[in-house]
Each structure stands twice: as structure tokens, then as C-alpha cells.
Amino acid sequence: MTVSRGIGRGGVRNGAGRKENPAKKVFEIKPVPASGLTAEQLAKQHLDTVIASLVHTATAGESEGARVTAAKALADIARGPVGRAHVGKRDQQQADAETAGHNSEWGNDLDFEAGKPN
């Protein structure tokens, strides 16, 4: 303590810190039954329930944000996995080499036959 002013230098103070939120809901996490199935297989078994829940939330959700999020999730499920293959530098160079000279005045002069250029 600073002797001259009677002021402390940190430490615990009554009432300091975050207050508990009584409205915060706590959900109990239940273990997955040992069925020998993978997570993906379990998810596929319950896909109908998930879609029905998303449809209910998208149509009668409590907030606009919940309805929009549910609608986006439904659109993603309907669209399916959208994967764009990442092309590395080496793959891109190979593709460029294979198409070099195509649709140009060089024609097939750059094509290789049996390891020898034309």
C-alpha cells in the first residue's frame, strides 16, 4: 500500500470481475453410443431430422438471423459439396505446357512426338 495515500496496488477487490449470467443456458453433452459407426455415418442417419429442424427454424425461427442462417444451411445441403480443386504451380505449368501453341499461328509445331519436337 502506498503509505501516503492509503491506495492499494492491485489485488483482489470485492465485486470485481465478470458477473454470472443467470439467463445463460447450459446444455449437457451426452456421449455418442458405441455403435461402431463413424461420425459421418451417424450424421447421415439423422439427416432427415436435421433438415426438418432447419426447415422449422427457417420458417418459424424466433429471430431474423436464425431464419437466415437456417435458410443458408438448407441451401448448402441442397447444393451439395462445392469443391474447387486447388491447382498447384507444378500442375499449372504442366497444363500450360500441354496447351502451348494451341489456337495460335504456331499450330502443332510445339507438339512432341516420341520425345522429339516436330
C-alpha atoms as a PDB file:
ATOM      1  CA  MET A   1       0.000   0.000   0.000  1.00  0.00           C
ATOM      2  CA  THR A   2       1.109   3.457  -0.743  1.00  0.00           C
ATOM      3  CA  VAL A   3       1.537   4.822   2.738  1.00  0.00           C
ATOM      4  CA  SER A   4       0.886   8.454   1.932  1.00  0.00           C
ATOM      5  CA  ARG A   5      -2.457   7.952   0.169  1.00  0.00           C
ATOM      6  CA  GLY A   6      -3.745   4.656   1.552  1.00  0.00           C
ATOM      7  CA  ILE A   7      -4.201   3.312  -2.021  1.00  0.00           C
ATOM      8  CA  GLY A   8      -3.559  -0.351  -2.784  1.00  0.00           C
ATOM      9  CA  ARG A   9      -1.592  -1.547  -5.791  1.00  0.00           C
ATOM     10  CA  GLY A  10      -3.815  -4.177  -7.361  1.00  0.00           C
ATOM     11  CA  GLY A  11      -5.034  -7.407  -5.906  1.00  0.00           C
ATOM     12  CA  VAL A  12      -8.486  -8.821  -5.282  1.00  0.00           C
ATOM     13  CA  ARG A  13     -11.357  -6.406  -4.880  1.00  0.00           C
ATOM     14  CA  ASN A  14     -14.879  -7.259  -3.846  1.00  0.00           C
ATOM     15  CA  GLY A  15     -17.332  -7.139  -6.779  1.00  0.00           C
ATOM     16  CA  ALA A  16     -14.607  -7.161  -9.447  1.00  0.00           C
ATOM     17  CA  GLY A  17     -14.682  -9.474 -12.467  1.00  0.00           C
ATOM     18  CA  ARG A  18     -17.377 -10.764 -14.785  1.00  0.00           C
ATOM     19  CA  LYS A  19     -20.848 -11.193 -13.405  1.00  0.00           C
ATOM     20  CA  GLU A  20     -22.645 -14.524 -13.811  1.00  0.00           C
ATOM     21  CA  ASN A  21     -25.376 -14.554 -16.455  1.00  0.00           C
ATOM     22  CA  PRO A  22     -28.439 -16.294 -14.997  1.00  0.00           C
ATOM     23  CA  ALA A  23     -30.090 -16.470 -18.439  1.00  0.00           C
ATOM     24  CA  LYS A  24     -27.218 -18.465 -19.907  1.00  0.00           C
ATOM     25  CA  LYS A  25     -28.391 -21.964 -20.807  1.00  0.00           C
ATOM     26  CA  VAL A  26     -26.142 -24.902 -20.079  1.00  0.00           C
ATOM     27  CA  PHE A  27     -26.606 -27.998 -22.213  1.00  0.00           C
ATOM     28  CA  GLU A  28     -25.451 -31.385 -21.076  1.00  0.00           C
ATOM     29  CA  ILE A  29     -23.218 -33.109 -23.603  1.00  0.00           C
ATOM     30  CA  LYS A  30     -24.170 -36.733 -23.937  1.00  0.00           C
ATOM     31  CA  PRO A  31     -21.688 -39.279 -25.246  1.00  0.00           C
ATOM     32  CA  VAL A  32     -22.361 -40.949 -28.588  1.00  0.00           C
ATOM     33  CA  PRO A  33     -23.434 -44.551 -28.066  1.00  0.00           C
ATOM     34  CA  ALA A  34     -20.789 -47.062 -29.036  1.00  0.00           C
ATOM     35  CA  SER A  35     -22.338 -48.242 -32.280  1.00  0.00           C
ATOM     36  CA  GLY A  36     -19.180 -48.730 -34.283  1.00  0.00           C
ATOM     37  CA  LEU A  37     -20.298 -46.089 -36.799  1.00  0.00           C
ATOM     38  CA  THR A  38     -18.242 -43.126 -37.887  1.00  0.00           C
ATOM     39  CA  ALA A  39     -19.396 -39.580 -37.253  1.00  0.00           C
ATOM     40  CA  GLU A  40     -20.282 -39.193 -40.926  1.00  0.00           C
ATOM     41  CA  GLN A  41     -22.432 -42.348 -40.872  1.00  0.00           C
ATOM     42  CA  LEU A  42     -24.213 -41.184 -37.712  1.00  0.00           C
ATOM     43  CA  ALA A  43     -24.843 -37.781 -39.293  1.00  0.00           C
ATOM     44  CA  LYS A  44     -26.313 -39.407 -42.411  1.00  0.00           C
ATOM     45  CA  GLN A  45     -28.692 -41.451 -40.247  1.00  0.00           C
ATOM     46  CA  HIS A  46     -30.121 -38.282 -38.717  1.00  0.00           C
ATOM     47  CA  LEU A  47     -30.095 -36.105 -41.840  1.00  0.00           C
ATOM     48  CA  ASP A  48     -33.911 -36.099 -42.145  1.00  0.00           C
ATOM     49  CA  THR A  49     -34.259 -34.806 -38.586  1.00  0.00           C
ATOM     50  CA  VAL A  50     -31.645 -32.125 -39.206  1.00  0.00           C
ATOM     51  CA  ILE A  51     -33.368 -30.933 -42.379  1.00  0.00           C
ATOM     52  CA  ALA A  52     -36.778 -30.885 -40.677  1.00  0.00           C
ATOM     53  CA  SER A  53     -35.317 -28.828 -37.825  1.00  0.00           C
ATOM     54  CA  LEU A  54     -33.678 -26.387 -40.260  1.00  0.00           C
ATOM     55  CA  VAL A  55     -36.930 -26.003 -42.223  1.00  0.00           C
ATOM     56  CA  HIS A  56     -38.807 -25.267 -38.992  1.00  0.00           C
ATOM     57  CA  THR A  57     -36.179 -22.717 -37.948  1.00  0.00           C
ATOM     58  CA  ALA A  58     -36.114 -21.105 -41.411  1.00  0.00           C
ATOM     59  CA  THR A  59     -39.891 -20.688 -41.466  1.00  0.00           C
ATOM     60  CA  ALA A  60     -40.746 -20.014 -37.828  1.00  0.00           C
ATOM     61  CA  GLY A  61     -37.465 -19.011 -36.178  1.00  0.00           C
ATOM     62  CA  GLU A  62     -37.527 -16.532 -33.319  1.00  0.00           C
ATOM     63  CA  SER A  63     -35.139 -14.066 -34.934  1.00  0.00           C
ATOM     64  CA  GLU A  64     -34.365 -12.980 -38.463  1.00  0.00           C
ATOM     65  CA  GLY A  65     -30.735 -14.013 -38.036  1.00  0.00           C
ATOM     66  CA  ALA A  66     -31.739 -17.557 -37.077  1.00  0.00           C
ATOM     67  CA  ARG A  67     -34.063 -17.796 -40.085  1.00  0.00           C
ATOM     68  CA  VAL A  68     -31.373 -16.544 -42.488  1.00  0.00           C
ATOM     69  CA  THR A  69     -28.729 -18.884 -41.076  1.00  0.00           C
ATOM     70  CA  ALA A  70     -31.079 -21.869 -41.325  1.00  0.00           C
ATOM     71  CA  ALA A  71     -32.005 -20.934 -44.897  1.00  0.00           C
ATOM     72  CA  LYS A  72     -28.319 -20.706 -45.859  1.00  0.00           C
ATOM     73  CA  ALA A  73     -27.642 -24.099 -44.281  1.00  0.00           C
ATOM     74  CA  LEU A  74     -30.547 -25.602 -46.246  1.00  0.00           C
ATOM     75  CA  ALA A  75     -29.213 -24.079 -49.462  1.00  0.00           C
ATOM     76  CA  ASP A  76     -25.763 -25.548 -48.754  1.00  0.00           C
ATOM     77  CA  ILE A  77     -27.256 -29.003 -48.162  1.00  0.00           C
ATOM     78  CA  ALA A  78     -29.328 -28.786 -51.346  1.00  0.00           C
ATOM     79  CA  ARG A  79     -26.377 -27.578 -53.420  1.00  0.00           C
ATOM     80  CA  GLY A  80     -24.113 -30.328 -52.164  1.00  0.00           C
ATOM     81  CA  PRO A  81     -20.398 -30.089 -51.657  1.00  0.00           C
ATOM     82  CA  VAL A  82     -18.891 -27.383 -53.791  1.00  0.00           C
ATOM     83  CA  GLY A  83     -15.247 -28.220 -54.124  1.00  0.00           C
ATOM     84  CA  ARG A  84     -12.825 -26.294 -56.217  1.00  0.00           C
ATOM     85  CA  ALA A  85      -9.658 -28.197 -56.769  1.00  0.00           C
ATOM     86  CA  HIS A  86      -6.581 -26.223 -55.868  1.00  0.00           C
ATOM     87  CA  VAL A  87      -4.128 -26.241 -58.735  1.00  0.00           C
ATOM     88  CA  GLY A  88      -0.514 -26.016 -57.646  1.00  0.00           C
ATOM     89  CA  LYS A  89       2.268 -24.303 -59.557  1.00  0.00           C
ATOM     90  CA  ARG A  90       3.612 -27.554 -60.944  1.00  0.00           C
ATOM     91  CA  ASP A  91       0.161 -28.673 -62.144  1.00  0.00           C
ATOM     92  CA  GLN A  92      -0.475 -25.275 -63.708  1.00  0.00           C
ATOM     93  CA  GLN A  93       2.897 -25.359 -65.512  1.00  0.00           C
ATOM     94  CA  GLN A  94       2.141 -28.844 -66.834  1.00  0.00           C
ATOM     95  CA  ALA A  95      -1.276 -27.726 -68.091  1.00  0.00           C
ATOM     96  CA  ASP A  96       0.268 -24.641 -69.725  1.00  0.00           C
ATOM     97  CA  ALA A  97       2.930 -26.776 -71.434  1.00  0.00           C
ATOM     98  CA  GLU A  98       0.291 -29.149 -72.801  1.00  0.00           C
ATOM     99  CA  THR A  99      -1.746 -26.322 -74.318  1.00  0.00           C
ATOM    100  CA  ALA A 100       1.178 -24.206 -75.535  1.00  0.00           C
ATOM    101  CA  GLY A 101       0.723 -23.104 -79.138  1.00  0.00           C
ATOM    102  CA  HIS A 102      -2.907 -24.187 -79.404  1.00  0.00           C
ATOM    103  CA  ASN A 103      -5.127 -21.690 -81.224  1.00  0.00           C
ATOM    104  CA  SER A 104      -2.108 -19.726 -82.388  1.00  0.00           C
ATOM    105  CA  GLU A 105      -0.053 -19.311 -85.557  1.00  0.00           C
ATOM    106  CA  TRP A 106       2.402 -21.915 -84.244  1.00  0.00           C
ATOM    107  CA  GLY A 107      -0.216 -24.640 -84.699  1.00  0.00           C
ATOM    108  CA  ASN A 108       1.216 -28.042 -83.819  1.00  0.00           C
ATOM    109  CA  ASP A 109       4.888 -27.023 -84.140  1.00  0.00           C
ATOM    110  CA  LEU A 110       5.271 -27.242 -80.370  1.00  0.00           C
ATOM    111  CA  ASP A 111       3.772 -30.732 -80.077  1.00  0.00           C
ATOM    112  CA  PHE A 112       6.150 -33.545 -79.199  1.00  0.00           C
ATOM    113  CA  GLU A 113       6.072 -36.932 -80.851  1.00  0.00           C
ATOM    114  CA  ALA A 114       8.176 -39.704 -79.313  1.00  0.00           C
ATOM    115  CA  GLY A 115      10.163 -37.156 -77.319  1.00  0.00           C
ATOM    116  CA  LYS A 116      11.185 -35.124 -80.396  1.00  0.00           C
ATOM    117  CA  PRO A 117       9.706 -31.784 -81.458  1.00  0.00           C
ATOM    118  CA  ASN A 118       8.101 -31.528 -84.919  1.00  0.00           C
END
